[in-house]
Amino acid sequence: MPSREPRRVPCNRPDCDGQLIVFAVREDTGRTVPYDAEPVDVDHVGSTGCHVLIEGKAWNPVRLAEHFQVVFELPSIDRAHQLVREYQHHRPHLHLTTNTEGERP
């Protein structure tokens, strides 16, 4: 179930070299958060902490599966998780505030 692609813009931080990001409103907090524009592979360990972006909203995958199970009256949570896996997952766009020695850049 693909959704509309969010608008990609370059990050304005000089240390990001113009990496493309997208903005979405977190479903749980209502805060607007930047996400890496490139989706991640949900089968990869690095997908932990990612969100599913659907029409400007960022969903935690577990909460989205629970939402799908109720809204679509699915027979099992496993089926809901299968549906969530069909959507692209995006990692929050973060900047390190310290280097590996604990000093600010």
N, C-alpha and C. Protein backbone atom coordinates (compact mmCIF):
# COMPACT_ATOMS: atom_id res chain seq x y z
N MET A 1 0.83 -1.18 0.00
CA MET A 1 0.00 0.00 0.00
C MET A 1 0.88 1.24 0.00
N PRO A 2 1.43 1.58 -1.13
CA PRO A 2 2.30 2.75 -1.17
C PRO A 2 1.52 4.03 -0.93
N SER A 3 2.19 4.99 -0.33
CA SER A 3 1.56 6.27 -0.07
C SER A 3 2.27 7.36 -0.85
N ARG A 4 1.69 8.53 -0.83
CA ARG A 4 2.25 9.68 -1.51
C ARG A 4 3.65 9.98 -0.98
N GLU A 5 4.60 10.28 -1.87
CA GLU A 5 5.97 10.59 -1.46
C GLU A 5 6.03 11.96 -0.82
N PRO A 6 6.67 12.08 0.35
CA PRO A 6 6.84 13.40 0.97
C PRO A 6 7.86 14.22 0.20
N ARG A 7 7.80 15.55 0.37
CA ARG A 7 8.73 16.45 -0.32
C ARG A 7 10.11 16.33 0.31
N ARG A 8 11.10 16.10 -0.53
CA ARG A 8 12.48 15.96 -0.07
C ARG A 8 13.18 17.31 -0.14
N VAL A 9 13.86 17.68 0.94
CA VAL A 9 14.62 18.93 0.99
C VAL A 9 16.00 18.63 1.56
N PRO A 10 17.02 19.42 1.18
CA PRO A 10 18.34 19.19 1.76
C PRO A 10 18.40 19.71 3.19
N CYS A 11 19.13 19.01 4.05
CA CYS A 11 19.34 19.46 5.42
C CYS A 11 20.17 20.74 5.37
N ASN A 12 19.82 21.72 6.21
CA ASN A 12 20.51 23.01 6.16
C ASN A 12 21.75 23.07 7.06
N ARG A 13 22.09 21.98 7.73
CA ARG A 13 23.30 21.96 8.56
C ARG A 13 24.52 21.75 7.68
N PRO A 14 25.57 22.56 7.84
CA PRO A 14 26.75 22.43 6.99
C PRO A 14 27.43 21.06 7.09
N ASP A 15 27.35 20.41 8.25
CA ASP A 15 28.01 19.11 8.41
C ASP A 15 27.24 17.96 7.76
N CYS A 16 26.09 18.24 7.17
CA CYS A 16 25.29 17.20 6.52
C CYS A 16 25.53 17.11 5.02
N ASP A 17 26.24 18.06 4.45
CA ASP A 17 26.52 18.06 3.01
C ASP A 17 25.27 17.94 2.16
N GLY A 18 24.18 18.58 2.60
CA GLY A 18 22.95 18.61 1.80
C GLY A 18 22.20 17.30 1.74
N GLN A 19 22.37 16.43 2.74
CA GLN A 19 21.63 15.17 2.75
C GLN A 19 20.13 15.45 2.67
N LEU A 20 19.42 14.69 1.86
CA LEU A 20 17.99 14.90 1.69
C LEU A 20 17.22 14.37 2.89
N ILE A 21 16.25 15.17 3.34
CA ILE A 21 15.41 14.80 4.46
C ILE A 21 13.95 15.08 4.11
N VAL A 22 13.06 14.51 4.90
CA VAL A 22 11.62 14.78 4.80
C VAL A 22 11.12 15.09 6.20
N PHE A 23 10.05 15.85 6.29
CA PHE A 23 9.47 16.18 7.59
C PHE A 23 8.14 15.46 7.74
N ALA A 24 7.86 15.02 8.96
CA ALA A 24 6.58 14.37 9.27
C ALA A 24 6.22 14.69 10.71
N VAL A 25 4.93 14.69 11.00
CA VAL A 25 4.44 14.93 12.35
C VAL A 25 4.29 13.59 13.05
N ARG A 26 4.97 13.44 14.18
CA ARG A 26 4.86 12.18 14.92
C ARG A 26 3.45 12.00 15.42
N GLU A 27 2.91 10.82 15.18
CA GLU A 27 1.53 10.50 15.57
C GLU A 27 1.36 10.53 17.08
N ASP A 28 2.39 10.14 17.81
CA ASP A 28 2.26 10.03 19.27
C ASP A 28 2.50 11.33 20.02
N THR A 29 3.33 12.24 19.47
CA THR A 29 3.66 13.47 20.19
C THR A 29 3.14 14.74 19.53
N GLY A 30 2.83 14.66 18.23
CA GLY A 30 2.40 15.85 17.50
C GLY A 30 3.55 16.76 17.10
N ARG A 31 4.79 16.35 17.36
CA ARG A 31 5.96 17.15 16.99
C ARG A 31 6.36 16.87 15.55
N THR A 32 6.83 17.92 14.86
CA THR A 32 7.36 17.76 13.52
C THR A 32 8.82 17.35 13.64
N VAL A 33 9.17 16.27 12.96
CA VAL A 33 10.50 15.68 13.09
C VAL A 33 11.09 15.45 11.70
N PRO A 34 12.40 15.71 11.51
CA PRO A 34 13.04 15.39 10.23
C PRO A 34 13.43 13.91 10.18
N TYR A 35 13.28 13.33 9.00
CA TYR A 35 13.66 11.93 8.76
C TYR A 35 14.55 11.87 7.54
N ASP A 36 15.47 10.89 7.52
CA ASP A 36 16.26 10.66 6.32
C ASP A 36 15.30 10.32 5.18
N ALA A 37 15.53 10.92 4.01
CA ALA A 37 14.61 10.72 2.89
C ALA A 37 14.67 9.30 2.35
N GLU A 38 15.84 8.68 2.42
CA GLU A 38 15.98 7.32 1.90
C GLU A 38 15.39 6.32 2.89
N PRO A 39 14.51 5.45 2.43
CA PRO A 39 13.95 4.43 3.33
C PRO A 39 15.01 3.39 3.69
N VAL A 40 14.76 2.69 4.78
CA VAL A 40 15.68 1.63 5.22
C VAL A 40 15.02 0.27 4.98
N ASP A 41 15.86 -0.75 4.92
CA ASP A 41 15.37 -2.12 4.75
C ASP A 41 14.84 -2.61 6.10
N VAL A 42 13.56 -2.95 6.17
CA VAL A 42 12.97 -3.36 7.44
C VAL A 42 13.51 -4.70 7.93
N ASP A 43 14.16 -5.46 7.08
CA ASP A 43 14.75 -6.73 7.50
C ASP A 43 16.13 -6.54 8.11
N HIS A 44 16.65 -5.33 8.06
CA HIS A 44 17.98 -5.03 8.56
C HIS A 44 17.90 -4.60 10.02
N VAL A 45 18.88 -4.97 10.80
CA VAL A 45 18.90 -4.61 12.22
C VAL A 45 18.85 -3.10 12.40
N GLY A 46 19.42 -2.34 11.47
CA GLY A 46 19.46 -0.89 11.56
C GLY A 46 18.12 -0.21 11.44
N SER A 47 17.05 -0.97 11.23
CA SER A 47 15.73 -0.36 11.11
C SER A 47 15.11 -0.06 12.47
N THR A 48 15.76 -0.47 13.56
CA THR A 48 15.26 -0.18 14.90
C THR A 48 15.17 1.33 15.09
N GLY A 49 14.05 1.79 15.61
CA GLY A 49 13.87 3.22 15.84
C GLY A 49 13.28 3.96 14.65
N CYS A 50 13.05 3.25 13.55
CA CYS A 50 12.49 3.89 12.36
C CYS A 50 10.98 4.06 12.51
N HIS A 51 10.43 4.94 11.69
CA HIS A 51 8.99 5.18 11.67
C HIS A 51 8.47 4.99 10.25
N VAL A 52 7.18 4.74 10.15
CA VAL A 52 6.50 4.62 8.87
C VAL A 52 5.86 5.98 8.60
N LEU A 53 6.17 6.56 7.44
CA LEU A 53 5.63 7.87 7.09
C LEU A 53 4.45 7.69 6.14
N ILE A 54 3.29 8.16 6.57
CA ILE A 54 2.07 8.06 5.77
C ILE A 54 1.41 9.43 5.73
N GLU A 55 1.42 10.02 4.55
CA GLU A 55 0.77 11.31 4.31
C GLU A 55 1.07 12.34 5.39
N GLY A 56 2.35 12.53 5.65
CA GLY A 56 2.78 13.57 6.58
C GLY A 56 2.79 13.18 8.04
N LYS A 57 2.37 11.96 8.36
CA LYS A 57 2.40 11.48 9.75
C LYS A 57 3.45 10.39 9.88
N ALA A 58 4.15 10.42 11.02
CA ALA A 58 5.16 9.41 11.32
C ALA A 58 4.62 8.48 12.40
N TRP A 59 4.54 7.21 12.07
CA TRP A 59 3.98 6.21 12.98
C TRP A 59 5.06 5.26 13.47
N ASN A 60 5.02 4.93 14.75
CA ASN A 60 5.79 3.82 15.28
C ASN A 60 5.19 2.56 14.65
N PRO A 61 6.00 1.66 14.09
CA PRO A 61 5.45 0.48 13.41
C PRO A 61 4.51 -0.37 14.26
N VAL A 62 4.82 -0.52 15.54
CA VAL A 62 3.96 -1.34 16.42
C VAL A 62 2.61 -0.65 16.62
N ARG A 63 2.63 0.65 16.87
CA ARG A 63 1.37 1.39 17.04
C ARG A 63 0.55 1.40 15.75
N LEU A 64 1.25 1.48 14.60
CA LEU A 64 0.54 1.46 13.32
C LEU A 64 -0.13 0.11 13.10
N ALA A 65 0.55 -0.97 13.46
CA ALA A 65 -0.05 -2.30 13.31
C ALA A 65 -1.30 -2.42 14.18
N GLU A 66 -1.23 -1.93 15.41
CA GLU A 66 -2.40 -1.96 16.29
C GLU A 66 -3.54 -1.13 15.71
N HIS A 67 -3.19 0.03 15.15
CA HIS A 67 -4.19 0.90 14.51
C HIS A 67 -4.84 0.18 13.33
N PHE A 68 -4.01 -0.45 12.48
CA PHE A 68 -4.53 -1.17 11.32
C PHE A 68 -5.45 -2.31 11.75
N GLN A 69 -5.07 -3.04 12.81
CA GLN A 69 -5.89 -4.17 13.24
C GLN A 69 -7.29 -3.70 13.63
N VAL A 70 -7.38 -2.56 14.30
CA VAL A 70 -8.69 -2.04 14.73
C VAL A 70 -9.45 -1.44 13.56
N VAL A 71 -8.80 -0.56 12.80
CA VAL A 71 -9.48 0.16 11.72
C VAL A 71 -9.95 -0.78 10.61
N PHE A 72 -9.08 -1.73 10.23
CA PHE A 72 -9.41 -2.64 9.13
C PHE A 72 -10.03 -3.94 9.62
N GLU A 73 -10.27 -4.06 10.93
CA GLU A 73 -10.87 -5.25 11.54
C GLU A 73 -10.15 -6.52 11.09
N LEU A 74 -8.83 -6.51 11.23
CA LEU A 74 -8.02 -7.65 10.82
C LEU A 74 -8.13 -8.77 11.84
N PRO A 75 -8.05 -10.02 11.39
CA PRO A 75 -8.22 -11.15 12.30
C PRO A 75 -7.07 -11.36 13.27
N SER A 76 -5.88 -10.83 12.94
CA SER A 76 -4.73 -11.04 13.84
C SER A 76 -3.77 -9.87 13.76
N ILE A 77 -3.00 -9.71 14.83
CA ILE A 77 -1.98 -8.66 14.84
C ILE A 77 -0.86 -9.01 13.87
N ASP A 78 -0.63 -10.30 13.62
CA ASP A 78 0.39 -10.71 12.65
C ASP A 78 0.05 -10.20 11.26
N ARG A 79 -1.21 -10.26 10.88
CA ARG A 79 -1.63 -9.74 9.57
C ARG A 79 -1.41 -8.23 9.52
N ALA A 80 -1.67 -7.55 10.61
CA ALA A 80 -1.45 -6.10 10.66
C ALA A 80 0.03 -5.77 10.50
N HIS A 81 0.90 -6.56 11.15
CA HIS A 81 2.34 -6.33 11.01
C HIS A 81 2.80 -6.58 9.58
N GLN A 82 2.20 -7.55 8.90
CA GLN A 82 2.53 -7.80 7.49
C GLN A 82 2.19 -6.58 6.64
N LEU A 83 1.05 -5.97 6.91
CA LEU A 83 0.66 -4.77 6.16
C LEU A 83 1.64 -3.62 6.41
N VAL A 84 2.04 -3.44 7.66
CA VAL A 84 2.98 -2.36 8.00
C VAL A 84 4.31 -2.55 7.28
N ARG A 85 4.75 -3.79 7.12
CA ARG A 85 6.02 -4.06 6.44
C ARG A 85 6.00 -3.64 4.97
N GLU A 86 4.83 -3.49 4.39
CA GLU A 86 4.72 -3.07 2.99
C GLU A 86 5.02 -1.59 2.80
N TYR A 87 4.99 -0.83 3.87
CA TYR A 87 5.28 0.60 3.80
C TYR A 87 6.77 0.85 4.00
N GLN A 88 7.23 1.99 3.48
CA GLN A 88 8.63 2.36 3.66
C GLN A 88 8.85 2.85 5.10
N HIS A 89 9.98 2.46 5.66
CA HIS A 89 10.38 2.87 7.00
C HIS A 89 11.53 3.87 6.87
N HIS A 90 11.49 4.92 7.69
CA HIS A 90 12.51 5.97 7.62
C HIS A 90 13.14 6.19 8.99
N ARG A 91 14.43 6.44 8.97
CA ARG A 91 15.19 6.69 10.20
C ARG A 91 15.11 8.18 10.54
N PRO A 92 14.92 8.53 11.82
CA PRO A 92 14.97 9.95 12.20
C PRO A 92 16.33 10.55 11.81
N HIS A 93 16.31 11.79 11.32
CA HIS A 93 17.54 12.47 10.91
C HIS A 93 18.15 13.14 12.14
N LEU A 94 19.28 12.64 12.57
CA LEU A 94 19.92 13.12 13.79
C LEU A 94 21.29 13.71 13.49
N HIS A 95 21.71 14.64 14.34
CA HIS A 95 23.06 15.20 14.28
C HIS A 95 23.76 14.88 15.58
N LEU A 96 24.99 14.44 15.49
CA LEU A 96 25.76 14.17 16.69
C LEU A 96 26.15 15.49 17.34
N THR A 97 25.98 15.59 18.63
CA THR A 97 26.36 16.82 19.33
C THR A 97 27.74 16.72 19.96
N THR A 98 28.32 15.53 19.98
CA THR A 98 29.69 15.34 20.47
C THR A 98 30.40 14.36 19.56
N ASN A 99 31.74 14.45 19.54
CA ASN A 99 32.50 13.48 18.76
C ASN A 99 32.77 12.24 19.61
N THR A 100 33.57 11.33 19.10
CA THR A 100 33.79 10.07 19.83
C THR A 100 34.55 10.26 21.13
N GLU A 101 35.24 11.39 21.29
CA GLU A 101 35.95 11.67 22.55
C GLU A 101 35.08 12.44 23.53
N GLY A 102 33.83 12.72 23.18
CA GLY A 102 32.93 13.45 24.06
C GLY A 102 33.04 14.95 23.96
N GLU A 103 33.76 15.44 22.96
CA GLU A 103 33.91 16.89 22.76
C GLU A 103 32.93 17.37 21.72
N ARG A 104 32.45 18.58 21.91
CA ARG A 104 31.53 19.16 20.93
C ARG A 104 32.30 19.52 19.66
N PRO A 105 31.72 19.24 18.48
CA PRO A 105 32.42 19.55 17.22
C PRO A 105 32.53 21.05 16.99
